[in-house]
Amino acid sequence: MRDYKKLEVWKRSHDLTLAIYRATRAYPTTETFGLASQTRRSAAAVPANIAEGSGRASGADYARFVSYAAASCNETEYHLLLARDLGYIGVDEWTSIAAEVGEIRSMLVALSRRLV
């Protein structure tokens, strides 16, 4: 069993999730159970999948969960793009958060390659 909390990619994805929770507070109340919820869930899935995968017995299993985390980055990225285009999130905030999503995805791809 690996300690996922020691991984830089987990730390950054956890911080990203916190940032997304803060950003989605400003969404319209009509989006509470829509886009805000979807964005939060996809962001939270990134560190959650890293954590779950770290408890798997084989590197291949772990890599599969890391792959799920990377896919959740893609989903989060789209939700943020949609929120930007709808005017729910400012361009500066979107640029910063989207850049972090991209860096985390790159870190996940590199981690996945090391596991298999």
C-alpha atoms as a PDB file:
ATOM      1  CA  MET A   1       0.000   0.000   0.000  1.00  0.00           C
ATOM      2  CA  ARG A   2       1.391   3.359  -1.058  1.00  0.00           C
ATOM      3  CA  ASP A   3       0.829   6.622   0.833  1.00  0.00           C
ATOM      4  CA  TYR A   4      -0.976   8.735  -1.736  1.00  0.00           C
ATOM      5  CA  LYS A   5      -0.738  11.836   0.492  1.00  0.00           C
ATOM      6  CA  LYS A   6       3.002  11.958  -0.201  1.00  0.00           C
ATOM      7  CA  LEU A   7       2.499  12.273  -3.960  1.00  0.00           C
ATOM      8  CA  GLU A   8       2.866  15.788  -5.332  1.00  0.00           C
ATOM      9  CA  VAL A   9       0.181  15.077  -7.935  1.00  0.00           C
ATOM     10  CA  TRP A  10      -2.281  14.123  -5.203  1.00  0.00           C
ATOM     11  CA  LYS A  11      -1.465  17.264  -3.192  1.00  0.00           C
ATOM     12  CA  ARG A  12      -1.944  19.481  -6.228  1.00  0.00           C
ATOM     13  CA  SER A  13      -5.158  17.765  -7.284  1.00  0.00           C
ATOM     14  CA  HIS A  14      -6.530  18.135  -3.757  1.00  0.00           C
ATOM     15  CA  ASP A  15      -5.659  21.849  -3.802  1.00  0.00           C
ATOM     16  CA  LEU A  16      -7.273  22.127  -7.234  1.00  0.00           C
ATOM     17  CA  THR A  17     -10.457  20.573  -5.887  1.00  0.00           C
ATOM     18  CA  LEU A  18     -10.520  23.113  -3.078  1.00  0.00           C
ATOM     19  CA  ALA A  19     -10.039  25.947  -5.589  1.00  0.00           C
ATOM     20  CA  ILE A  20     -12.877  24.614  -7.731  1.00  0.00           C
ATOM     21  CA  TYR A  21     -15.191  24.394  -4.736  1.00  0.00           C
ATOM     22  CA  ARG A  22     -14.411  28.058  -3.997  1.00  0.00           C
ATOM     23  CA  ALA A  23     -14.894  29.103  -7.627  1.00  0.00           C
ATOM     24  CA  THR A  24     -18.214  27.291  -8.032  1.00  0.00           C
ATOM     25  CA  ARG A  25     -19.705  29.070  -5.015  1.00  0.00           C
ATOM     26  CA  ALA A  26     -20.179  32.064  -7.297  1.00  0.00           C
ATOM     27  CA  TYR A  27     -22.204  30.113  -9.867  1.00  0.00           C
ATOM     28  CA  PRO A  28     -25.909  30.955 -10.124  1.00  0.00           C
ATOM     29  CA  THR A  29     -28.106  29.070  -7.671  1.00  0.00           C
ATOM     30  CA  THR A  30     -29.822  27.465 -10.652  1.00  0.00           C
ATOM     31  CA  GLU A  31     -26.544  25.579 -11.227  1.00  0.00           C
ATOM     32  CA  THR A  32     -26.239  24.210  -7.692  1.00  0.00           C
ATOM     33  CA  PHE A  33     -27.316  20.734  -8.786  1.00  0.00           C
ATOM     34  CA  GLY A  34     -26.137  21.171 -12.374  1.00  0.00           C
ATOM     35  CA  LEU A  35     -22.817  22.488 -13.583  1.00  0.00           C
ATOM     36  CA  ALA A  36     -21.485  23.414 -10.127  1.00  0.00           C
ATOM     37  CA  SER A  37     -22.107  19.902  -8.845  1.00  0.00           C
ATOM     38  CA  GLN A  38     -20.702  18.225 -11.955  1.00  0.00           C
ATOM     39  CA  THR A  39     -17.560  20.341 -11.865  1.00  0.00           C
ATOM     40  CA  ARG A  40     -17.003  19.617  -8.195  1.00  0.00           C
ATOM     41  CA  ARG A  41     -17.532  15.884  -8.646  1.00  0.00           C
ATOM     42  CA  SER A  42     -15.192  15.605 -11.610  1.00  0.00           C
ATOM     43  CA  ALA A  43     -12.505  17.609  -9.791  1.00  0.00           C
ATOM     44  CA  ALA A  44     -12.854  15.550  -6.607  1.00  0.00           C
ATOM     45  CA  ALA A  45     -12.611  12.361  -8.658  1.00  0.00           C
ATOM     46  CA  VAL A  46      -8.996  13.191  -9.516  1.00  0.00           C
ATOM     47  CA  PRO A  47      -7.473  12.906  -6.029  1.00  0.00           C
ATOM     48  CA  ALA A  48     -10.035  10.241  -5.079  1.00  0.00           C
ATOM     49  CA  ASN A  49      -8.923   7.960  -7.927  1.00  0.00           C
ATOM     50  CA  ILE A  50      -5.266   8.511  -7.041  1.00  0.00           C
ATOM     51  CA  ALA A  51      -6.062   7.532  -3.455  1.00  0.00           C
ATOM     52  CA  GLU A  52      -8.079   4.489  -4.457  1.00  0.00           C
ATOM     53  CA  GLY A  53      -5.481   3.304  -6.943  1.00  0.00           C
ATOM     54  CA  SER A  54      -2.703   3.595  -4.389  1.00  0.00           C
ATOM     55  CA  GLY A  55      -4.396   0.873  -2.381  1.00  0.00           C
ATOM     56  CA  ARG A  56      -4.400  -1.600  -5.250  1.00  0.00           C
ATOM     57  CA  ALA A  57      -2.058  -4.559  -5.164  1.00  0.00           C
ATOM     58  CA  SER A  58      -0.548  -4.276  -8.638  1.00  0.00           C
ATOM     59  CA  GLY A  59       1.028  -1.481 -10.582  1.00  0.00           C
ATOM     60  CA  ALA A  60      -1.329  -2.188 -13.464  1.00  0.00           C
ATOM     61  CA  ASP A  61      -4.371  -1.701 -11.230  1.00  0.00           C
ATOM     62  CA  TYR A  62      -2.896   1.492  -9.830  1.00  0.00           C
ATOM     63  CA  ALA A  63      -2.184   2.739 -13.353  1.00  0.00           C
ATOM     64  CA  ARG A  64      -5.815   2.107 -14.316  1.00  0.00           C
ATOM     65  CA  PHE A  65      -7.021   4.387 -11.513  1.00  0.00           C
ATOM     66  CA  VAL A  66      -4.436   6.998 -12.433  1.00  0.00           C
ATOM     67  CA  SER A  67      -5.880   6.829 -15.951  1.00  0.00           C
ATOM     68  CA  TYR A  68      -9.360   7.438 -14.509  1.00  0.00           C
ATOM     69  CA  ALA A  69      -7.961  10.458 -12.671  1.00  0.00           C
ATOM     70  CA  ALA A  70      -6.542  11.828 -15.939  1.00  0.00           C
ATOM     71  CA  ALA A  71      -9.917  11.321 -17.622  1.00  0.00           C
ATOM     72  CA  SER A  72     -11.539  13.256 -14.789  1.00  0.00           C
ATOM     73  CA  CYS A  73      -9.105  16.085 -15.530  1.00  0.00           C
ATOM     74  CA  ASN A  74     -10.499  16.180 -19.070  1.00  0.00           C
ATOM     75  CA  GLU A  75     -14.049  16.275 -17.751  1.00  0.00           C
ATOM     76  CA  THR A  76     -13.184  19.025 -15.269  1.00  0.00           C
ATOM     77  CA  GLU A  77     -11.457  21.010 -17.992  1.00  0.00           C
ATOM     78  CA  TYR A  78     -14.587  20.904 -20.140  1.00  0.00           C
ATOM     79  CA  HIS A  79     -16.881  21.907 -17.264  1.00  0.00           C
ATOM     80  CA  LEU A  80     -14.630  24.896 -16.586  1.00  0.00           C
ATOM     81  CA  LEU A  81     -14.627  25.870 -20.251  1.00  0.00           C
ATOM     82  CA  LEU A  82     -18.414  25.726 -20.308  1.00  0.00           C
ATOM     83  CA  ALA A  83     -18.606  27.810 -17.118  1.00  0.00           C
ATOM     84  CA  ARG A  84     -16.274  30.383 -18.660  1.00  0.00           C
ATOM     85  CA  ASP A  85     -18.336  30.589 -21.837  1.00  0.00           C
ATOM     86  CA  LEU A  86     -21.526  30.960 -19.787  1.00  0.00           C
ATOM     87  CA  GLY A  87     -19.930  33.781 -17.805  1.00  0.00           C
ATOM     88  CA  TYR A  88     -19.944  31.908 -14.494  1.00  0.00           C
ATOM     89  CA  ILE A  89     -16.179  32.132 -14.085  1.00  0.00           C
ATOM     90  CA  GLY A  90     -13.878  34.953 -15.151  1.00  0.00           C
ATOM     91  CA  VAL A  91     -11.254  34.514 -17.828  1.00  0.00           C
ATOM     92  CA  ASP A  92      -8.354  35.105 -15.425  1.00  0.00           C
ATOM     93  CA  GLU A  93      -9.621  32.562 -12.913  1.00  0.00           C
ATOM     94  CA  TRP A  94     -10.385  30.097 -15.703  1.00  0.00           C
ATOM     95  CA  THR A  95      -6.889  30.535 -17.189  1.00  0.00           C
ATOM     96  CA  SER A  96      -5.240  29.838 -13.849  1.00  0.00           C
ATOM     97  CA  ILE A  97      -7.370  26.826 -12.957  1.00  0.00           C
ATOM     98  CA  ALA A  98      -7.279  25.346 -16.464  1.00  0.00           C
ATOM     99  CA  ALA A  99      -3.475  25.604 -16.513  1.00  0.00           C
ATOM    100  CA  GLU A 100      -3.313  23.688 -13.235  1.00  0.00           C
ATOM    101  CA  VAL A 101      -5.651  21.022 -14.616  1.00  0.00           C
ATOM    102  CA  GLY A 102      -3.321  20.604 -17.594  1.00  0.00           C
ATOM    103  CA  GLU A 103      -0.235  20.293 -15.410  1.00  0.00           C
ATOM    104  CA  ILE A 104      -1.917  17.732 -13.166  1.00  0.00           C
ATOM    105  CA  ARG A 105      -3.001  15.715 -16.205  1.00  0.00           C
ATOM    106  CA  SER A 106       0.616  15.688 -17.451  1.00  0.00           C
ATOM    107  CA  MET A 107       1.811  14.524 -14.040  1.00  0.00           C
ATOM    108  CA  LEU A 108      -0.771  11.739 -14.069  1.00  0.00           C
ATOM    109  CA  VAL A 109       0.316  10.551 -17.508  1.00  0.00           C
ATOM    110  CA  ALA A 110       3.928  10.434 -16.310  1.00  0.00           C
ATOM    111  CA  LEU A 111       2.928   8.551 -13.148  1.00  0.00           C
ATOM    112  CA  SER A 112       0.913   6.058 -15.153  1.00  0.00           C
ATOM    113  CA  ARG A 113       3.894   5.320 -17.398  1.00  0.00           C
ATOM    114  CA  ARG A 114       6.072   4.585 -14.372  1.00  0.00           C
ATOM    115  CA  LEU A 115       3.539   2.157 -12.936  1.00  0.00           C
ATOM    116  CA  VAL A 116       3.261  -0.267 -15.857  1.00  0.00           C
END
